[in-house]
Amino acid sequence: MVEQGRRDQRVAAGQAPAVPGQGTPGRPVSRSTRRLPRSFFARPSPEVGPDLLGRILARRLGDGTLLTARIVETEAYQQDDPASHSYRG
């Protein structure tokens, strides 16, 4: 039996319902959302991970379709942690 799970859904630009912004329930995300600077990521992963929670990832496809997703979970490991993909080099 095949399970019916969530499927990718594409929404044309401007047709998606408003999404609450980070830390501001009920307030729509601005269309002028900016990219995070490289300096945001120039920290240890255990610091960056929690700061990514609630952020919106967005990608505009060639046909103008805007894909968005909210980060709801992160995992962060140091290089010396056996659970890290980089642990063995």
PDB file of N, CA and C in Angstrom:
ATOM      1  N   MET A   1       0.849  -1.179   0.000  1.00  0.00           N
ATOM      2  CA  MET A   1       0.000   0.000   0.000  1.00  0.00           C
ATOM      3  C   MET A   1       0.891   1.237   0.000  1.00  0.00           C
ATOM      4  N   VAL A   2       0.605   2.172  -0.865  1.00  0.00           N
ATOM      5  CA  VAL A   2       1.376   3.405  -0.961  1.00  0.00           C
ATOM      6  C   VAL A   2       0.748   4.453  -0.058  1.00  0.00           C
ATOM      7  N   GLU A   3       1.578   5.068   0.766  1.00  0.00           N
ATOM      8  CA  GLU A   3       1.067   6.122   1.640  1.00  0.00           C
ATOM      9  C   GLU A   3       0.916   7.415   0.858  1.00  0.00           C
ATOM     10  N   GLN A   4      -0.154   8.102   1.096  1.00  0.00           N
ATOM     11  CA  GLN A   4      -0.361   9.401   0.470  1.00  0.00           C
ATOM     12  C   GLN A   4       0.173  10.467   1.421  1.00  0.00           C
ATOM     13  N   GLY A   5       1.333  10.995   1.116  1.00  0.00           N
ATOM     14  CA  GLY A   5       1.935  12.023   1.955  1.00  0.00           C
ATOM     15  C   GLY A   5       1.759  13.392   1.339  1.00  0.00           C
ATOM     16  N   ARG A   6       2.459  14.352   1.895  1.00  0.00           N
ATOM     17  CA  ARG A   6       2.412  15.704   1.346  1.00  0.00           C
ATOM     18  C   ARG A   6       3.096  15.718  -0.011  1.00  0.00           C
ATOM     19  N   ARG A   7       2.590  16.467  -0.913  1.00  0.00           N
ATOM     20  CA  ARG A   7       3.175  16.596  -2.240  1.00  0.00           C
ATOM     21  C   ARG A   7       3.694  18.018  -2.400  1.00  0.00           C
ATOM     22  N   ASP A   8       4.684  18.159  -3.289  1.00  0.00           N
ATOM     23  CA  ASP A   8       5.167  19.500  -3.607  1.00  0.00           C
ATOM     24  C   ASP A   8       4.001  20.309  -4.153  1.00  0.00           C
ATOM     25  N   GLN A   9       3.885  21.518  -3.678  1.00  0.00           N
ATOM     26  CA  GLN A   9       2.827  22.389  -4.171  1.00  0.00           C
ATOM     27  C   GLN A   9       3.464  23.672  -4.666  1.00  0.00           C
ATOM     28  N   ARG A  10       3.147  24.054  -5.877  1.00  0.00           N
ATOM     29  CA  ARG A  10       3.665  25.293  -6.442  1.00  0.00           C
ATOM     30  C   ARG A  10       2.528  26.296  -6.510  1.00  0.00           C
ATOM     31  N   VAL A  11       2.831  27.490  -6.082  1.00  0.00           N
ATOM     32  CA  VAL A  11       1.838  28.547  -6.067  1.00  0.00           C
ATOM     33  C   VAL A  11       2.366  29.689  -6.915  1.00  0.00           C
ATOM     34  N   ALA A  12       1.546  30.199  -7.796  1.00  0.00           N
ATOM     35  CA  ALA A  12       1.965  31.321  -8.636  1.00  0.00           C
ATOM     36  C   ALA A  12       2.236  32.536  -7.753  1.00  0.00           C
ATOM     37  N   ALA A  13       3.198  33.348  -8.169  1.00  0.00           N
ATOM     38  CA  ALA A  13       3.562  34.543  -7.410  1.00  0.00           C
ATOM     39  C   ALA A  13       2.316  35.380  -7.125  1.00  0.00           C
ATOM     40  N   GLY A  14       2.174  35.787  -5.871  1.00  0.00           N
ATOM     41  CA  GLY A  14       1.057  36.630  -5.471  1.00  0.00           C
ATOM     42  C   GLY A  14      -0.216  35.878  -5.129  1.00  0.00           C
ATOM     43  N   GLN A  15      -0.245  34.555  -5.302  1.00  0.00           N
ATOM     44  CA  GLN A  15      -1.452  33.793  -5.020  1.00  0.00           C
ATOM     45  C   GLN A  15      -1.377  33.022  -3.707  1.00  0.00           C
ATOM     46  N   ALA A  16      -0.237  33.049  -3.059  1.00  0.00           N
ATOM     47  CA  ALA A  16      -0.097  32.338  -1.787  1.00  0.00           C
ATOM     48  C   ALA A  16      -0.711  33.175  -0.672  1.00  0.00           C
ATOM     49  N   PRO A  17      -1.301  32.528   0.336  1.00  0.00           N
ATOM     50  CA  PRO A  17      -1.833  33.286   1.463  1.00  0.00           C
ATOM     51  C   PRO A  17      -0.693  33.911   2.258  1.00  0.00           C
ATOM     52  N   ALA A  18      -0.997  34.949   3.002  1.00  0.00           N
ATOM     53  CA  ALA A  18       0.017  35.609   3.824  1.00  0.00           C
ATOM     54  C   ALA A  18       0.564  34.629   4.850  1.00  0.00           C
ATOM     55  N   VAL A  19       1.856  34.696   5.085  1.00  0.00           N
ATOM     56  CA  VAL A  19       2.529  33.835   6.048  1.00  0.00           C
ATOM     57  C   VAL A  19       3.028  34.724   7.176  1.00  0.00           C
ATOM     58  N   PRO A  20       2.749  34.384   8.436  1.00  0.00           N
ATOM     59  CA  PRO A  20       3.239  35.220   9.522  1.00  0.00           C
ATOM     60  C   PRO A  20       4.759  35.345   9.491  1.00  0.00           C
ATOM     61  N   GLY A  21       5.268  36.519   9.724  1.00  0.00           N
ATOM     62  CA  GLY A  21       6.707  36.740   9.762  1.00  0.00           C
ATOM     63  C   GLY A  21       7.309  36.193  11.038  1.00  0.00           C
ATOM     64  N   GLN A  22       8.619  36.096  11.070  1.00  0.00           N
ATOM     65  CA  GLN A  22       9.304  35.559  12.235  1.00  0.00           C
ATOM     66  C   GLN A  22       9.026  36.434  13.447  1.00  0.00           C
ATOM     67  N   GLY A  23       8.512  35.830  14.492  1.00  0.00           N
ATOM     68  CA  GLY A  23       8.309  36.529  15.755  1.00  0.00           C
ATOM     69  C   GLY A  23       7.169  37.526  15.751  1.00  0.00           C
ATOM     70  N   THR A  24       6.400  37.587  14.670  1.00  0.00           N
ATOM     71  CA  THR A  24       5.296  38.534  14.606  1.00  0.00           C
ATOM     72  C   THR A  24       4.050  37.824  14.089  1.00  0.00           C
ATOM     73  N   PRO A  25       3.389  37.037  14.948  1.00  0.00           N
ATOM     74  CA  PRO A  25       2.218  36.288  14.510  1.00  0.00           C
ATOM     75  C   PRO A  25       1.169  37.193  13.870  1.00  0.00           C
ATOM     76  N   GLY A  26       0.616  36.729  12.749  1.00  0.00           N
ATOM     77  CA  GLY A  26      -0.431  37.466  12.077  1.00  0.00           C
ATOM     78  C   GLY A  26       0.049  38.565  11.158  1.00  0.00           C
ATOM     79  N   ARG A  27       1.331  38.798  11.117  1.00  0.00           N
ATOM     80  CA  ARG A  27       1.871  39.854  10.259  1.00  0.00           C
ATOM     81  C   ARG A  27       2.469  39.204   9.017  1.00  0.00           C
ATOM     82  N   PRO A  28       2.050  39.631   7.815  1.00  0.00           N
ATOM     83  CA  PRO A  28       2.556  38.985   6.600  1.00  0.00           C
ATOM     84  C   PRO A  28       4.033  39.250   6.359  1.00  0.00           C
ATOM     85  N   VAL A  29       4.670  38.303   5.672  1.00  0.00           N
ATOM     86  CA  VAL A  29       6.078  38.448   5.314  1.00  0.00           C
ATOM     87  C   VAL A  29       6.187  39.494   4.220  1.00  0.00           C
ATOM     88  N   SER A  30       7.144  40.364   4.343  1.00  0.00           N
ATOM     89  CA  SER A  30       7.360  41.411   3.350  1.00  0.00           C
ATOM     90  C   SER A  30       7.861  40.814   2.046  1.00  0.00           C
ATOM     91  N   ARG A  31       7.434  41.365   0.933  1.00  0.00           N
ATOM     92  CA  ARG A  31       7.937  40.920  -0.364  1.00  0.00           C
ATOM     93  C   ARG A  31       9.383  41.356  -0.558  1.00  0.00           C
ATOM     94  N   SER A  32       9.852  42.291   0.253  1.00  0.00           N
ATOM     95  CA  SER A  32      11.227  42.781   0.120  1.00  0.00           C
ATOM     96  C   SER A  32      12.171  42.071   1.085  1.00  0.00           C
ATOM     97  N   THR A  33      11.842  40.832   1.415  1.00  0.00           N
ATOM     98  CA  THR A  33      12.689  40.068   2.322  1.00  0.00           C
ATOM     99  C   THR A  33      14.102  40.008   1.759  1.00  0.00           C
ATOM    100  N   ARG A  34      15.062  40.235   2.612  1.00  0.00           N
ATOM    101  CA  ARG A  34      16.445  40.280   2.132  1.00  0.00           C
ATOM    102  C   ARG A  34      17.185  38.999   2.478  1.00  0.00           C
ATOM    103  N   ARG A  35      18.249  38.759   1.731  1.00  0.00           N
ATOM    104  CA  ARG A  35      19.107  37.604   2.002  1.00  0.00           C
ATOM    105  C   ARG A  35      19.903  37.864   3.263  1.00  0.00           C
ATOM    106  N   LEU A  36      20.209  36.785   3.951  1.00  0.00           N
ATOM    107  CA  LEU A  36      21.086  36.909   5.114  1.00  0.00           C
ATOM    108  C   LEU A  36      22.511  37.102   4.617  1.00  0.00           C
ATOM    109  N   PRO A  37      23.272  37.973   5.260  1.00  0.00           N
ATOM    110  CA  PRO A  37      24.659  38.181   4.821  1.00  0.00           C
ATOM    111  C   PRO A  37      25.521  36.970   5.174  1.00  0.00           C
ATOM    112  N   ARG A  38      26.621  36.824   4.464  1.00  0.00           N
ATOM    113  CA  ARG A  38      27.550  35.715   4.740  1.00  0.00           C
ATOM    114  C   ARG A  38      28.003  35.728   6.198  1.00  0.00           C
ATOM    115  N   SER A  39      28.126  36.907   6.767  1.00  0.00           N
ATOM    116  CA  SER A  39      28.584  37.017   8.158  1.00  0.00           C
ATOM    117  C   SER A  39      27.626  36.316   9.124  1.00  0.00           C
ATOM    118  N   PHE A  40      26.343  36.213   8.761  1.00  0.00           N
ATOM    119  CA  PHE A  40      25.369  35.507   9.592  1.00  0.00           C
ATOM    120  C   PHE A  40      25.804  34.060   9.796  1.00  0.00           C
ATOM    121  N   PHE A  41      26.360  33.458   8.739  1.00  0.00           N
ATOM    122  CA  PHE A  41      26.745  32.050   8.771  1.00  0.00           C
ATOM    123  C   PHE A  41      28.170  31.827   9.259  1.00  0.00           C
ATOM    124  N   ALA A  42      28.927  32.888   9.468  1.00  0.00           N
ATOM    125  CA  ALA A  42      30.333  32.782   9.881  1.00  0.00           C
ATOM    126  C   ALA A  42      30.430  32.636  11.396  1.00  0.00           C
ATOM    127  N   ARG A  43      29.679  31.693  11.921  1.00  0.00           N
ATOM    128  CA  ARG A  43      29.654  31.402  13.360  1.00  0.00           C
ATOM    129  C   ARG A  43      29.572  29.893  13.533  1.00  0.00           C
ATOM    130  N   PRO A  44      29.816  29.404  14.734  1.00  0.00           N
ATOM    131  CA  PRO A  44      29.660  27.964  14.975  1.00  0.00           C
ATOM    132  C   PRO A  44      28.219  27.519  14.678  1.00  0.00           C
ATOM    133  N   SER A  45      28.078  26.347  14.091  1.00  0.00           N
ATOM    134  CA  SER A  45      26.751  25.864  13.701  1.00  0.00           C
ATOM    135  C   SER A  45      25.749  25.790  14.862  1.00  0.00           C
ATOM    136  N   PRO A  46      26.172  25.468  16.107  1.00  0.00           N
ATOM    137  CA  PRO A  46      25.188  25.472  17.193  1.00  0.00           C
ATOM    138  C   PRO A  46      24.611  26.864  17.485  1.00  0.00           C
ATOM    139  N   GLU A  47      25.283  27.922  17.031  1.00  0.00           N
ATOM    140  CA  GLU A  47      24.734  29.278  17.176  1.00  0.00           C
ATOM    141  C   GLU A  47      23.842  29.629  15.991  1.00  0.00           C
ATOM    142  N   VAL A  48      24.258  29.218  14.791  1.00  0.00           N
ATOM    143  CA  VAL A  48      23.507  29.555  13.580  1.00  0.00           C
ATOM    144  C   VAL A  48      22.173  28.806  13.542  1.00  0.00           C
ATOM    145  N   GLY A  49      22.186  27.519  13.887  1.00  0.00           N
ATOM    146  CA  GLY A  49      20.983  26.690  13.801  1.00  0.00           C
ATOM    147  C   GLY A  49      19.757  27.301  14.448  1.00  0.00           C
ATOM    148  N   PRO A  50      19.814  27.637  15.727  1.00  0.00           N
ATOM    149  CA  PRO A  50      18.631  28.222  16.368  1.00  0.00           C
ATOM    150  C   PRO A  50      18.209  29.556  15.750  1.00  0.00           C
ATOM    151  N   ASP A  51      19.169  30.319  15.237  1.00  0.00           N
ATOM    152  CA  ASP A  51      18.844  31.608  14.621  1.00  0.00           C
ATOM    153  C   ASP A  51      18.168  31.450  13.262  1.00  0.00           C
ATOM    154  N   LEU A  52      18.211  30.243  12.689  1.00  0.00           N
ATOM    155  CA  LEU A  52      17.529  29.986  11.415  1.00  0.00           C
ATOM    156  C   LEU A  52      16.058  29.620  11.611  1.00  0.00           C
ATOM    157  N   LEU A  53      15.697  29.211  12.824  1.00  0.00           N
ATOM    158  CA  LEU A  53      14.313  28.806  13.077  1.00  0.00           C
ATOM    159  C   LEU A  53      13.344  29.941  12.760  1.00  0.00           C
ATOM    160  N   GLY A  54      12.315  29.605  12.033  1.00  0.00           N
ATOM    161  CA  GLY A  54      11.300  30.585  11.672  1.00  0.00           C
ATOM    162  C   GLY A  54      11.621  31.390  10.424  1.00  0.00           C
ATOM    163  N   ARG A  55      12.843  31.277   9.921  1.00  0.00           N
ATOM    164  CA  ARG A  55      13.221  32.015   8.709  1.00  0.00           C
ATOM    165  C   ARG A  55      12.535  31.386   7.498  1.00  0.00           C
ATOM    166  N   ILE A  56      12.388  32.179   6.462  1.00  0.00           N
ATOM    167  CA  ILE A  56      11.741  31.729   5.236  1.00  0.00           C
ATOM    168  C   ILE A  56      12.788  31.514   4.153  1.00  0.00           C
ATOM    169  N   LEU A  57      12.755  30.338   3.534  1.00  0.00           N
ATOM    170  CA  LEU A  57      13.573  30.068   2.351  1.00  0.00           C
ATOM    171  C   LEU A  57      12.697  30.375   1.144  1.00  0.00           C
ATOM    172  N   ALA A  58      13.251  31.054   0.168  1.00  0.00           N
ATOM    173  CA  ALA A  58      12.471  31.394  -1.021  1.00  0.00           C
ATOM    174  C   ALA A  58      13.307  31.169  -2.269  1.00  0.00           C
ATOM    175  N   ARG A  59      12.643  30.707  -3.323  1.00  0.00           N
ATOM    176  CA  ARG A  59      13.302  30.529  -4.613  1.00  0.00           C
ATOM    177  C   ARG A  59      12.300  30.852  -5.709  1.00  0.00           C
ATOM    178  N   ARG A  60      12.708  31.706  -6.619  1.00  0.00           N
ATOM    179  CA  ARG A  60      11.858  32.025  -7.762  1.00  0.00           C
ATOM    180  C   ARG A  60      12.325  31.197  -8.952  1.00  0.00           C
ATOM    181  N   LEU A  61      11.402  30.459  -9.540  1.00  0.00           N
ATOM    182  CA  LEU A  61      11.704  29.631 -10.695  1.00  0.00           C
ATOM    183  C   LEU A  61      11.697  30.478 -11.965  1.00  0.00           C
ATOM    184  N   GLY A  62      12.223  29.920 -13.030  1.00  0.00           N
ATOM    185  CA  GLY A  62      12.301  30.633 -14.298  1.00  0.00           C
ATOM    186  C   GLY A  62      10.962  31.105 -14.830  1.00  0.00           C
ATOM    187  N   ASP A  63       9.880  30.404 -14.484  1.00  0.00           N
ATOM    188  CA  ASP A  63       8.553  30.800 -14.969  1.00  0.00           C
ATOM    189  C   ASP A  63       7.874  31.816 -14.058  1.00  0.00           C
ATOM    190  N   GLY A  64       8.612  32.300 -13.039  1.00  0.00           N
ATOM    191  CA  GLY A  64       8.056  33.301 -12.128  1.00  0.00           C
ATOM    192  C   GLY A  64       7.428  32.726 -10.876  1.00  0.00           C
ATOM    193  N   THR A  65       7.297  31.409 -10.803  1.00  0.00           N
ATOM    194  CA  THR A  65       6.715  30.774  -9.627  1.00  0.00           C
ATOM    195  C   THR A  65       7.624  30.990  -8.423  1.00  0.00           C
ATOM    196  N   LEU A  66       7.034  31.393  -7.308  1.00  0.00           N
ATOM    197  CA  LEU A  66       7.787  31.597  -6.076  1.00  0.00           C
ATOM    198  C   LEU A  66       7.535  30.421  -5.145  1.00  0.00           C
ATOM    199  N   LEU A  67       8.602  29.729  -4.756  1.00  0.00           N
ATOM    200  CA  LEU A  67       8.510  28.635  -3.791  1.00  0.00           C
ATOM    201  C   LEU A  67       9.021  29.157  -2.460  1.00  0.00           C
ATOM    202  N   THR A  68       8.292  28.914  -1.381  1.00  0.00           N
ATOM    203  CA  THR A  68       8.734  29.343  -0.058  1.00  0.00           C
ATOM    204  C   THR A  68       8.515  28.222   0.945  1.00  0.00           C
ATOM    205  N   ALA A  69       9.344  28.206   1.971  1.00  0.00           N
ATOM    206  CA  ALA A  69       9.212  27.236   3.058  1.00  0.00           C
ATOM    207  C   ALA A  69       9.779  27.859   4.322  1.00  0.00           C
ATOM    208  N   ARG A  70       9.152  27.601   5.431  1.00  0.00           N
ATOM    209  CA  ARG A  70       9.622  28.098   6.724  1.00  0.00           C
ATOM    210  C   ARG A  70      10.489  27.019   7.372  1.00  0.00           C
ATOM    211  N   ILE A  71      11.624  27.407   7.926  1.00  0.00           N
ATOM    212  CA  ILE A  71      12.498  26.471   8.645  1.00  0.00           C
ATOM    213  C   ILE A  71      11.889  26.241  10.026  1.00  0.00           C
ATOM    214  N   VAL A  72      11.542  24.997  10.309  1.00  0.00           N
ATOM    215  CA  VAL A  72      10.893  24.668  11.578  1.00  0.00           C
ATOM    216  C   VAL A  72      11.751  23.775  12.467  1.00  0.00           C
ATOM    217  N   GLU A  73      12.860  23.282  11.921  1.00  0.00           N
ATOM    218  CA  GLU A  73      13.720  22.402  12.707  1.00  0.00           C
ATOM    219  C   GLU A  73      15.132  22.484  12.151  1.00  0.00           C
ATOM    220  N   THR A  74      16.108  22.470  13.034  1.00  0.00           N
ATOM    221  CA  THR A  74      17.504  22.450  12.606  1.00  0.00           C
ATOM    222  C   THR A  74      18.271  21.447  13.457  1.00  0.00           C
ATOM    223  N   GLU A  75      19.377  20.991  12.927  1.00  0.00           N
ATOM    224  CA  GLU A  75      20.338  20.183  13.674  1.00  0.00           C
ATOM    225  C   GLU A  75      21.692  20.813  13.436  1.00  0.00           C
ATOM    226  N   ALA A  76      22.502  20.864  14.458  1.00  0.00           N
ATOM    227  CA  ALA A  76      23.815  21.497  14.318  1.00  0.00           C
ATOM    228  C   ALA A  76      24.852  20.671  15.068  1.00  0.00           C
ATOM    229  N   TYR A  77      25.928  20.365  14.363  1.00  0.00           N
ATOM    230  CA  TYR A  77      26.990  19.547  14.939  1.00  0.00           C
ATOM    231  C   TYR A  77      28.331  20.228  14.733  1.00  0.00           C
ATOM    232  N   GLN A  78      29.228  20.033  15.676  1.00  0.00           N
ATOM    233  CA  GLN A  78      30.610  20.469  15.522  1.00  0.00           C
ATOM    234  C   GLN A  78      31.352  19.375  14.757  1.00  0.00           C
ATOM    235  N   GLN A  79      32.494  19.710  14.168  1.00  0.00           N
ATOM    236  CA  GLN A  79      33.249  18.729  13.381  1.00  0.00           C
ATOM    237  C   GLN A  79      33.708  17.532  14.206  1.00  0.00           C
ATOM    238  N   ASP A  80      33.938  17.722  15.490  1.00  0.00           N
ATOM    239  CA  ASP A  80      34.434  16.623  16.322  1.00  0.00           C
ATOM    240  C   ASP A  80      33.311  15.755  16.900  1.00  0.00           C
ATOM    241  N   ASP A  81      32.077  16.015  16.517  1.00  0.00           N
ATOM    242  CA  ASP A  81      30.936  15.231  16.977  1.00  0.00           C
ATOM    243  C   ASP A  81      30.769  14.024  16.050  1.00  0.00           C
ATOM    244  N   PRO A  82      30.761  12.795  16.581  1.00  0.00           N
ATOM    245  CA  PRO A  82      30.613  11.604  15.736  1.00  0.00           C
ATOM    246  C   PRO A  82      29.332  11.606  14.892  1.00  0.00           C
ATOM    247  N   ALA A  83      28.335  12.375  15.267  1.00  0.00           N
ATOM    248  CA  ALA A  83      27.097  12.450  14.486  1.00  0.00           C
ATOM    249  C   ALA A  83      27.228  13.372  13.276  1.00  0.00           C
ATOM    250  N   SER A  84      28.305  14.142  13.226  1.00  0.00           N
ATOM    251  CA  SER A  84      28.518  15.084  12.126  1.00  0.00           C
ATOM    252  C   SER A  84      28.969  14.361  10.861  1.00  0.00           C
ATOM    253  N   HIS A  85      28.467  14.813   9.709  1.00  0.00           N
ATOM    254  CA  HIS A  85      28.890  14.224   8.431  1.00  0.00           C
ATOM    255  C   HIS A  85      30.373  14.466   8.180  1.00  0.00           C
ATOM    256  N   SER A  86      30.919  15.517   8.748  1.00  0.00           N
ATOM    257  CA  SER A  86      32.335  15.840   8.520  1.00  0.00           C
ATOM    258  C   SER A  86      33.265  15.155   9.527  1.00  0.00           C
ATOM    259  N   TYR A  87      32.717  14.364  10.425  1.00  0.00           N
ATOM    260  CA  TYR A  87      33.513  13.755  11.496  1.00  0.00           C
ATOM    261  C   TYR A  87      34.673  12.914  10.971  1.00  0.00           C
ATOM    262  N   ARG A  88      34.423  12.139   9.933  1.00  0.00           N
ATOM    263  CA  ARG A  88      35.470  11.249   9.414  1.00  0.00           C
ATOM    264  C   ARG A  88      36.283  11.885   8.288  1.00  0.00           C
ATOM    265  N   GLY A  89      36.047  13.156   8.052  1.00  0.00           N
ATOM    266  CA  GLY A  89      36.863  13.876   7.076  1.00  0.00           C
ATOM    267  C   GLY A  89      36.264  14.090   5.747  1.00  0.00           C
TER     268      GLY A  89
END
